[in-house]
């Protein structure tokens, strides 16, 4: 058989792994700024950590600077959900 589907397609491992991680890990990053000792204000949500870091640097250029942090979140999947029925 010499059909089109007989030969394996060449795969770039770096590109494949990056696409796989972006689809199945589904992580996102939240930039928060501290208002006082106990309260944090959400400043934005981002898909890339590099973009969140860049926003954090640009956000913290005011005269009065409050601490900021980046929190990594992950979307829930079916494994995380427990049926209580």
PDB file of N, CA and C in Angstrom:
ATOM      1  N   UNK A   1       0.832  -1.184   0.000  1.00  0.00           N
ATOM      2  CA  UNK A   1       0.000   0.000   0.000  1.00  0.00           C
ATOM      3  C   UNK A   1       0.874   1.243   0.000  1.00  0.00           C
ATOM      4  N   UNK A   2       0.630   2.096  -0.911  1.00  0.00           N
ATOM      5  CA  UNK A   2       1.364   3.348  -0.998  1.00  0.00           C
ATOM      6  C   UNK A   2       0.419   4.530  -0.933  1.00  0.00           C
ATOM      7  N   UNK A   3      -0.516   4.457  -0.037  1.00  0.00           N
ATOM      8  CA  UNK A   3      -1.465   5.552   0.102  1.00  0.00           C
ATOM      9  C   UNK A   3      -0.867   6.727   0.858  1.00  0.00           C
ATOM     10  N   UNK A   4      -1.599   7.799   0.897  1.00  0.00           N
ATOM     11  CA  UNK A   4      -1.129   9.005   1.575  1.00  0.00           C
ATOM     12  C   UNK A   4      -0.945   8.803   3.075  1.00  0.00           C
ATOM     13  N   UNK A   5      -1.776   8.001   3.696  1.00  0.00           N
ATOM     14  CA  UNK A   5      -1.743   7.837   5.130  1.00  0.00           C
ATOM     15  C   UNK A   5      -0.756   6.795   5.625  1.00  0.00           C
ATOM     16  N   UNK A   6       0.002   6.160   4.731  1.00  0.00           N
ATOM     17  CA  UNK A   6       0.916   5.100   5.141  1.00  0.00           C
ATOM     18  C   UNK A   6       2.171   5.627   5.817  1.00  0.00           C
ATOM     19  N   UNK A   7       2.646   6.786   5.398  1.00  0.00           N
ATOM     20  CA  UNK A   7       3.903   7.310   5.930  1.00  0.00           C
ATOM     21  C   UNK A   7       3.634   8.235   7.117  1.00  0.00           C
ATOM     22  N   UNK A   8       4.439   8.133   8.160  1.00  0.00           N
ATOM     23  CA  UNK A   8       4.266   9.066   9.274  1.00  0.00           C
ATOM     24  C   UNK A   8       4.673  10.470   8.860  1.00  0.00           C
ATOM     25  N   UNK A   9       3.955  11.441   9.343  1.00  0.00           N
ATOM     26  CA  UNK A   9       4.258  12.835   9.010  1.00  0.00           C
ATOM     27  C   UNK A   9       5.465  13.298   9.818  1.00  0.00           C
ATOM     28  N   UNK A  10       6.349  14.058   9.214  1.00  0.00           N
ATOM     29  CA  UNK A  10       7.479  14.599   9.989  1.00  0.00           C
ATOM     30  C   UNK A  10       6.967  15.613  11.014  1.00  0.00           C
ATOM     31  N   UNK A  11       7.470  15.509  12.247  1.00  0.00           N
ATOM     32  CA  UNK A  11       6.985  16.360  13.325  1.00  0.00           C
ATOM     33  C   UNK A  11       8.156  17.102  13.942  1.00  0.00           C
ATOM     34  N   UNK A  12       7.991  18.407  14.075  1.00  0.00           N
ATOM     35  CA  UNK A  12       8.971  19.213  14.792  1.00  0.00           C
ATOM     36  C   UNK A  12       8.639  19.105  16.278  1.00  0.00           C
ATOM     37  N   UNK A  13       9.533  18.464  17.054  1.00  0.00           N
ATOM     38  CA  UNK A  13       9.238  18.173  18.467  1.00  0.00           C
ATOM     39  C   UNK A  13       8.994  19.429  19.287  1.00  0.00           C
ATOM     40  N   UNK A  14       9.777  20.489  19.071  1.00  0.00           N
ATOM     41  CA  UNK A  14       9.608  21.725  19.845  1.00  0.00           C
ATOM     42  C   UNK A  14       8.240  22.344  19.582  1.00  0.00           C
ATOM     43  N   UNK A  15       7.871  22.408  18.311  1.00  0.00           N
ATOM     44  CA  UNK A  15       6.588  23.000  17.946  1.00  0.00           C
ATOM     45  C   UNK A  15       5.437  22.143  18.466  1.00  0.00           C
ATOM     46  N   UNK A  16       5.563  20.824  18.362  1.00  0.00           N
ATOM     47  CA  UNK A  16       4.520  19.929  18.845  1.00  0.00           C
ATOM     48  C   UNK A  16       4.339  20.058  20.357  1.00  0.00           C
ATOM     49  N   UNK A  17       5.434  20.064  21.103  1.00  0.00           N
ATOM     50  CA  UNK A  17       5.354  20.172  22.565  1.00  0.00           C
ATOM     51  C   UNK A  17       4.758  21.505  22.995  1.00  0.00           C
ATOM     52  N   UNK A  18       5.130  22.584  22.321  1.00  0.00           N
ATOM     53  CA  UNK A  18       4.587  23.905  22.648  1.00  0.00           C
ATOM     54  C   UNK A  18       3.083  23.953  22.385  1.00  0.00           C
ATOM     55  N   UNK A  19       2.650  23.393  21.255  1.00  0.00           N
ATOM     56  CA  UNK A  19       1.218  23.362  20.949  1.00  0.00           C
ATOM     57  C   UNK A  19       0.466  22.485  21.942  1.00  0.00           C
ATOM     58  N   UNK A  20       1.048  21.349  22.299  1.00  0.00           N
ATOM     59  CA  UNK A  20       0.406  20.438  23.247  1.00  0.00           C
ATOM     60  C   UNK A  20       0.229  21.118  24.598  1.00  0.00           C
ATOM     61  N   UNK A  21       1.279  21.795  25.073  1.00  0.00           N
ATOM     62  CA  UNK A  21       1.198  22.485  26.361  1.00  0.00           C
ATOM     63  C   UNK A  21       0.174  23.610  26.329  1.00  0.00           C
ATOM     64  N   UNK A  22       0.120  24.345  25.224  1.00  0.00           N
ATOM     65  CA  UNK A  22      -0.825  25.459  25.147  1.00  0.00           C
ATOM     66  C   UNK A  22      -2.268  24.972  25.106  1.00  0.00           C
ATOM     67  N   UNK A  23      -2.496  23.785  24.568  1.00  0.00           N
ATOM     68  CA  UNK A  23      -3.861  23.270  24.470  1.00  0.00           C
ATOM     69  C   UNK A  23      -4.294  22.580  25.761  1.00  0.00           C
ATOM     70  N   UNK A  24      -3.440  21.725  26.306  1.00  0.00           N
ATOM     71  CA  UNK A  24      -3.880  20.853  27.397  1.00  0.00           C
ATOM     72  C   UNK A  24      -3.523  21.352  28.789  1.00  0.00           C
ATOM     73  N   UNK A  25      -2.518  22.190  28.950  1.00  0.00           N
ATOM     74  CA  UNK A  25      -2.205  22.694  30.283  1.00  0.00           C
ATOM     75  C   UNK A  25      -3.127  23.831  30.674  1.00  0.00           C
ATOM     76  N   UNK A  26      -3.463  24.683  29.760  1.00  0.00           N
ATOM     77  CA  UNK A  26      -4.396  25.784  29.950  1.00  0.00           C
ATOM     78  C   UNK A  26      -4.100  26.598  31.202  1.00  0.00           C
ATOM     79  N   UNK A  27      -2.882  27.080  31.306  1.00  0.00           N
ATOM     80  CA  UNK A  27      -2.515  27.935  32.424  1.00  0.00           C
ATOM     81  C   UNK A  27      -2.725  29.389  32.034  1.00  0.00           C
ATOM     82  N   UNK A  28      -3.066  30.206  33.009  1.00  0.00           N
ATOM     83  CA  UNK A  28      -3.138  31.634  32.787  1.00  0.00           C
ATOM     84  C   UNK A  28      -2.587  32.339  34.012  1.00  0.00           C
ATOM     85  N   UNK A  29      -2.216  33.582  33.842  1.00  0.00           N
ATOM     86  CA  UNK A  29      -1.509  34.324  34.878  1.00  0.00           C
ATOM     87  C   UNK A  29      -2.288  35.582  35.247  1.00  0.00           C
ATOM     88  N   UNK A  30      -2.328  35.872  36.536  1.00  0.00           N
ATOM     89  CA  UNK A  30      -3.041  37.036  37.055  1.00  0.00           C
ATOM     90  C   UNK A  30      -2.037  37.967  37.719  1.00  0.00           C
ATOM     91  N   UNK A  31      -2.107  39.244  37.361  1.00  0.00           N
ATOM     92  CA  UNK A  31      -1.262  40.254  37.987  1.00  0.00           C
ATOM     93  C   UNK A  31      -2.095  40.947  39.058  1.00  0.00           C
ATOM     94  N   UNK A  32      -1.568  40.981  40.291  1.00  0.00           N
ATOM     95  CA  UNK A  32      -2.267  41.608  41.408  1.00  0.00           C
ATOM     96  C   UNK A  32      -1.379  42.673  42.035  1.00  0.00           C
ATOM     97  N   UNK A  33      -2.035  43.707  42.575  1.00  0.00           N
ATOM     98  CA  UNK A  33      -1.335  44.790  43.266  1.00  0.00           C
ATOM     99  C   UNK A  33      -1.868  44.881  44.690  1.00  0.00           C
ATOM    100  N   UNK A  34      -0.960  45.047  45.642  1.00  0.00           N
ATOM    101  CA  UNK A  34      -1.366  45.119  47.041  1.00  0.00           C
ATOM    102  C   UNK A  34      -1.875  46.511  47.373  1.00  0.00           C
ATOM    103  N   UNK A  35      -3.083  46.577  47.936  1.00  0.00           N
ATOM    104  CA  UNK A  35      -3.667  47.855  48.326  1.00  0.00           C
ATOM    105  C   UNK A  35      -3.295  48.205  49.764  1.00  0.00           C
ATOM    106  N   UNK A  36      -3.471  47.276  50.660  1.00  0.00           N
ATOM    107  CA  UNK A  36      -3.045  47.449  52.038  1.00  0.00           C
ATOM    108  C   UNK A  36      -2.537  46.105  52.530  1.00  0.00           C
ATOM    109  N   UNK A  37      -2.477  45.916  53.814  1.00  0.00           N
ATOM    110  CA  UNK A  37      -1.882  44.712  54.361  1.00  0.00           C
ATOM    111  C   UNK A  37      -2.605  43.425  53.961  1.00  0.00           C
ATOM    112  N   UNK A  38      -3.911  43.473  53.762  1.00  0.00           N
ATOM    113  CA  UNK A  38      -4.678  42.261  53.515  1.00  0.00           C
ATOM    114  C   UNK A  38      -5.353  42.187  52.147  1.00  0.00           C
ATOM    115  N   UNK A  39      -5.482  43.288  51.437  1.00  0.00           N
ATOM    116  CA  UNK A  39      -6.252  43.302  50.199  1.00  0.00           C
ATOM    117  C   UNK A  39      -5.342  43.395  48.978  1.00  0.00           C
ATOM    118  N   UNK A  40      -5.697  42.605  47.957  1.00  0.00           N
ATOM    119  CA  UNK A  40      -4.987  42.625  46.676  1.00  0.00           C
ATOM    120  C   UNK A  40      -5.989  42.951  45.573  1.00  0.00           C
ATOM    121  N   UNK A  41      -5.598  43.816  44.663  1.00  0.00           N
ATOM    122  CA  UNK A  41      -6.434  44.236  43.537  1.00  0.00           C
ATOM    123  C   UNK A  41      -5.972  43.507  42.274  1.00  0.00           C
ATOM    124  N   UNK A  42      -6.909  42.891  41.555  1.00  0.00           N
ATOM    125  CA  UNK A  42      -6.569  42.242  40.285  1.00  0.00           C
ATOM    126  C   UNK A  42      -6.367  43.305  39.219  1.00  0.00           C
ATOM    127  N   UNK A  43      -5.217  43.256  38.574  1.00  0.00           N
ATOM    128  CA  UNK A  43      -4.903  44.242  37.529  1.00  0.00           C
ATOM    129  C   UNK A  43      -5.111  43.689  36.128  1.00  0.00           C
ATOM    130  N   UNK A  44      -4.991  42.372  35.957  1.00  0.00           N
ATOM    131  CA  UNK A  44      -5.189  41.800  34.631  1.00  0.00           C
ATOM    132  C   UNK A  44      -4.936  40.309  34.607  1.00  0.00           C
ATOM    133  N   UNK A  45      -5.433  39.660  33.546  1.00  0.00           N
ATOM    134  CA  UNK A  45      -5.240  38.232  33.328  1.00  0.00           C
ATOM    135  C   UNK A  45      -4.549  38.051  31.978  1.00  0.00           C
ATOM    136  N   UNK A  46      -3.575  37.129  31.915  1.00  0.00           N
ATOM    137  CA  UNK A  46      -2.779  36.954  30.702  1.00  0.00           C
ATOM    138  C   UNK A  46      -2.555  35.474  30.416  1.00  0.00           C
ATOM    139  N   UNK A  47      -2.384  35.147  29.124  1.00  0.00           N
ATOM    140  CA  UNK A  47      -2.117  33.773  28.719  1.00  0.00           C
ATOM    141  C   UNK A  47      -0.641  33.427  28.867  1.00  0.00           C
ATOM    142  N   UNK A  48       0.242  34.404  28.676  1.00  0.00           N
ATOM    143  CA  UNK A  48       1.684  34.165  28.729  1.00  0.00           C
ATOM    144  C   UNK A  48       2.285  34.802  29.968  1.00  0.00           C
ATOM    145  N   UNK A  49       3.245  34.111  30.581  1.00  0.00           N
ATOM    146  CA  UNK A  49       3.903  34.650  31.763  1.00  0.00           C
ATOM    147  C   UNK A  49       4.788  35.839  31.399  1.00  0.00           C
ATOM    148  N   UNK A  50       5.411  35.783  30.220  1.00  0.00           N
ATOM    149  CA  UNK A  50       6.267  36.883  29.780  1.00  0.00           C
ATOM    150  C   UNK A  50       5.457  38.166  29.609  1.00  0.00           C
ATOM    151  N   UNK A  51       4.261  38.038  29.059  1.00  0.00           N
ATOM    152  CA  UNK A  51       3.385  39.200  28.879  1.00  0.00           C
ATOM    153  C   UNK A  51       2.933  39.751  30.227  1.00  0.00           C
ATOM    154  N   UNK A  52       2.666  38.867  31.176  1.00  0.00           N
ATOM    155  CA  UNK A  52       2.268  39.302  32.523  1.00  0.00           C
ATOM    156  C   UNK A  52       3.415  40.049  33.207  1.00  0.00           C
ATOM    157  N   UNK A  53       4.642  39.565  33.040  1.00  0.00           N
ATOM    158  CA  UNK A  53       5.802  40.244  33.624  1.00  0.00           C
ATOM    159  C   UNK A  53       6.009  41.619  33.004  1.00  0.00           C
ATOM    160  N   UNK A  54       5.822  41.698  31.677  1.00  0.00           N
ATOM    161  CA  UNK A  54       5.985  42.987  31.000  1.00  0.00           C
ATOM    162  C   UNK A  54       4.931  43.980  31.467  1.00  0.00           C
ATOM    163  N   UNK A  55       3.696  43.509  31.645  1.00  0.00           N
ATOM    164  CA  UNK A  55       2.626  44.376  32.136  1.00  0.00           C
ATOM    165  C   UNK A  55       2.903  44.804  33.576  1.00  0.00           C
ATOM    166  N   UNK A  56       3.423  43.893  34.387  1.00  0.00           N
ATOM    167  CA  UNK A  56       3.742  44.212  35.771  1.00  0.00           C
ATOM    168  C   UNK A  56       4.789  45.322  35.846  1.00  0.00           C
ATOM    169  N   UNK A  57       5.796  45.256  34.979  1.00  0.00           N
ATOM    170  CA  UNK A  57       6.822  46.306  34.961  1.00  0.00           C
ATOM    171  C   UNK A  57       6.238  47.642  34.510  1.00  0.00           C
ATOM    172  N   UNK A  58       5.392  47.629  33.492  1.00  0.00           N
ATOM    173  CA  UNK A  58       4.812  48.879  32.996  1.00  0.00           C
ATOM    174  C   UNK A  58       3.770  49.432  33.968  1.00  0.00           C
ATOM    175  N   UNK A  59       3.111  48.564  34.721  1.00  0.00           N
ATOM    176  CA  UNK A  59       2.089  48.991  35.667  1.00  0.00           C
ATOM    177  C   UNK A  59       2.710  49.646  36.890  1.00  0.00           C
ATOM    178  N   UNK A  60       3.914  49.250  37.249  1.00  0.00           N
ATOM    179  CA  UNK A  60       4.565  49.709  38.468  1.00  0.00           C
ATOM    180  C   UNK A  60       5.490  50.907  38.209  1.00  0.00           C
ATOM    181  N   UNK A  61       5.100  51.832  37.353  1.00  0.00           N
ATOM    182  CA  UNK A  61       5.928  52.994  37.050  1.00  0.00           C
ATOM    183  C   UNK A  61       5.334  54.290  37.581  1.00  0.00           C
ATOM    184  N   UNK A  62       4.366  54.190  38.485  1.00  0.00           N
ATOM    185  CA  UNK A  62       3.736  55.379  39.043  1.00  0.00           C
ATOM    186  C   UNK A  62       4.631  55.993  40.110  1.00  0.00           C
ATOM    187  N   UNK A  63       4.249  57.168  40.620  1.00  0.00           N
ATOM    188  CA  UNK A  63       5.027  57.837  41.667  1.00  0.00           C
ATOM    189  C   UNK A  63       4.976  57.025  42.961  1.00  0.00           C
ATOM    190  N   UNK A  64       3.776  56.585  43.343  1.00  0.00           N
ATOM    191  CA  UNK A  64       3.623  55.744  44.520  1.00  0.00           C
ATOM    192  C   UNK A  64       3.554  54.302  44.032  1.00  0.00           C
ATOM    193  N   UNK A  65       4.529  53.484  44.440  1.00  0.00           N
ATOM    194  CA  UNK A  65       4.617  52.117  43.962  1.00  0.00           C
ATOM    195  C   UNK A  65       4.168  51.161  45.059  1.00  0.00           C
ATOM    196  N   UNK A  66       3.193  50.318  44.729  1.00  0.00           N
ATOM    197  CA  UNK A  66       2.734  49.290  45.637  1.00  0.00           C
ATOM    198  C   UNK A  66       3.241  47.939  45.131  1.00  0.00           C
ATOM    199  N   UNK A  67       3.445  46.975  46.012  1.00  0.00           N
ATOM    200  CA  UNK A  67       3.944  45.664  45.569  1.00  0.00           C
ATOM    201  C   UNK A  67       2.967  44.979  44.614  1.00  0.00           C
ATOM    202  N   UNK A  68       3.526  44.284  43.645  1.00  0.00           N
ATOM    203  CA  UNK A  68       2.724  43.505  42.706  1.00  0.00           C
ATOM    204  C   UNK A  68       3.219  42.067  42.714  1.00  0.00           C
ATOM    205  N   UNK A  69       2.349  41.163  42.277  1.00  0.00           N
ATOM    206  CA  UNK A  69       2.742  39.764  42.159  1.00  0.00           C
ATOM    207  C   UNK A  69       2.000  39.115  41.002  1.00  0.00           C
ATOM    208  N   UNK A  70       2.570  38.022  40.511  1.00  0.00           N
ATOM    209  CA  UNK A  70       1.960  37.258  39.429  1.00  0.00           C
ATOM    210  C   UNK A  70       1.573  35.896  39.991  1.00  0.00           C
ATOM    211  N   UNK A  71       0.308  35.529  39.798  1.00  0.00           N
ATOM    212  CA  UNK A  71      -0.207  34.255  40.290  1.00  0.00           C
ATOM    213  C   UNK A  71      -0.550  33.380  39.090  1.00  0.00           C
ATOM    214  N   UNK A  72      -0.080  32.131  39.132  1.00  0.00           N
ATOM    215  CA  UNK A  72      -0.373  31.180  38.066  1.00  0.00           C
ATOM    216  C   UNK A  72      -1.640  30.401  38.415  1.00  0.00           C
ATOM    217  N   UNK A  73      -2.586  30.364  37.479  1.00  0.00           N
ATOM    218  CA  UNK A  73      -3.835  29.628  37.656  1.00  0.00           C
ATOM    219  C   UNK A  73      -3.942  28.568  36.569  1.00  0.00           C
ATOM    220  N   UNK A  74      -4.809  27.600  36.792  1.00  0.00           N
ATOM    221  CA  UNK A  74      -5.039  26.556  35.810  1.00  0.00           C
ATOM    222  C   UNK A  74      -6.537  26.311  35.710  1.00  0.00           C
ATOM    223  N   UNK A  75      -7.031  26.133  34.497  1.00  0.00           N
ATOM    224  CA  UNK A  75      -8.438  25.837  34.311  1.00  0.00           C
ATOM    225  C   UNK A  75      -8.752  24.452  34.860  1.00  0.00           C
ATOM    226  N   UNK A  76      -9.952  24.261  35.364  1.00  0.00           N
ATOM    227  CA  UNK A  76     -10.367  22.957  35.858  1.00  0.00           C
ATOM    228  C   UNK A  76     -10.679  22.030  34.692  1.00  0.00           C
ATOM    229  N   UNK A  77     -10.402  20.758  34.896  1.00  0.00           N
ATOM    230  CA  UNK A  77     -10.741  19.743  33.906  1.00  0.00           C
ATOM    231  C   UNK A  77     -11.761  18.801  34.521  1.00  0.00           C
ATOM    232  N   UNK A  78     -12.155  17.796  33.765  1.00  0.00           N
ATOM    233  CA  UNK A  78     -13.143  16.848  34.262  1.00  0.00           C
ATOM    234  C   UNK A  78     -12.630  16.076  35.473  1.00  0.00           C
ATOM    235  N   UNK A  79     -11.311  15.868  35.558  1.00  0.00           N
ATOM    236  CA  UNK A  79     -10.739  15.136  36.684  1.00  0.00           C
ATOM    237  C   UNK A  79     -10.897  15.910  37.991  1.00  0.00           C
ATOM    238  N   UNK A  80     -10.944  17.257  37.911  1.00  0.00           N
ATOM    239  CA  UNK A  80     -11.064  18.077  39.104  1.00  0.00           C
ATOM    240  C   UNK A  80     -12.487  18.100  39.662  1.00  0.00           C
ATOM    241  N   UNK A  81     -13.442  17.809  38.817  1.00  0.00           N
ATOM    242  CA  UNK A  81     -14.836  17.909  39.214  1.00  0.00           C
ATOM    243  C   UNK A  81     -15.293  16.561  39.789  1.00  0.00           C
ATOM    244  N   UNK A  82     -15.859  16.610  40.969  1.00  0.00           N
ATOM    245  CA  UNK A  82     -16.332  15.388  41.618  1.00  0.00           C
ATOM    246  C   UNK A  82     -17.856  15.447  41.644  1.00  0.00           C
ATOM    247  N   UNK A  83     -18.472  14.381  41.178  1.00  0.00           N
ATOM    248  CA  UNK A  83     -19.943  14.307  41.189  1.00  0.00           C
ATOM    249  C   UNK A  83     -20.406  13.877  42.578  1.00  0.00           C
ATOM    250  N   UNK A  84     -21.255  14.677  43.181  1.00  0.00           N
ATOM    251  CA  UNK A  84     -21.790  14.364  44.504  1.00  0.00           C
ATOM    252  C   UNK A  84     -23.172  13.720  44.422  1.00  0.00           C
ATOM    253  N   UNK A  85     -23.478  13.144  43.322  1.00  0.00           N
ATOM    254  CA  UNK A  85     -24.806  12.563  43.142  1.00  0.00           C
ATOM    255  C   UNK A  85     -24.873  11.135  43.610  1.00  0.00           C
TER     256      UNK A  85
END
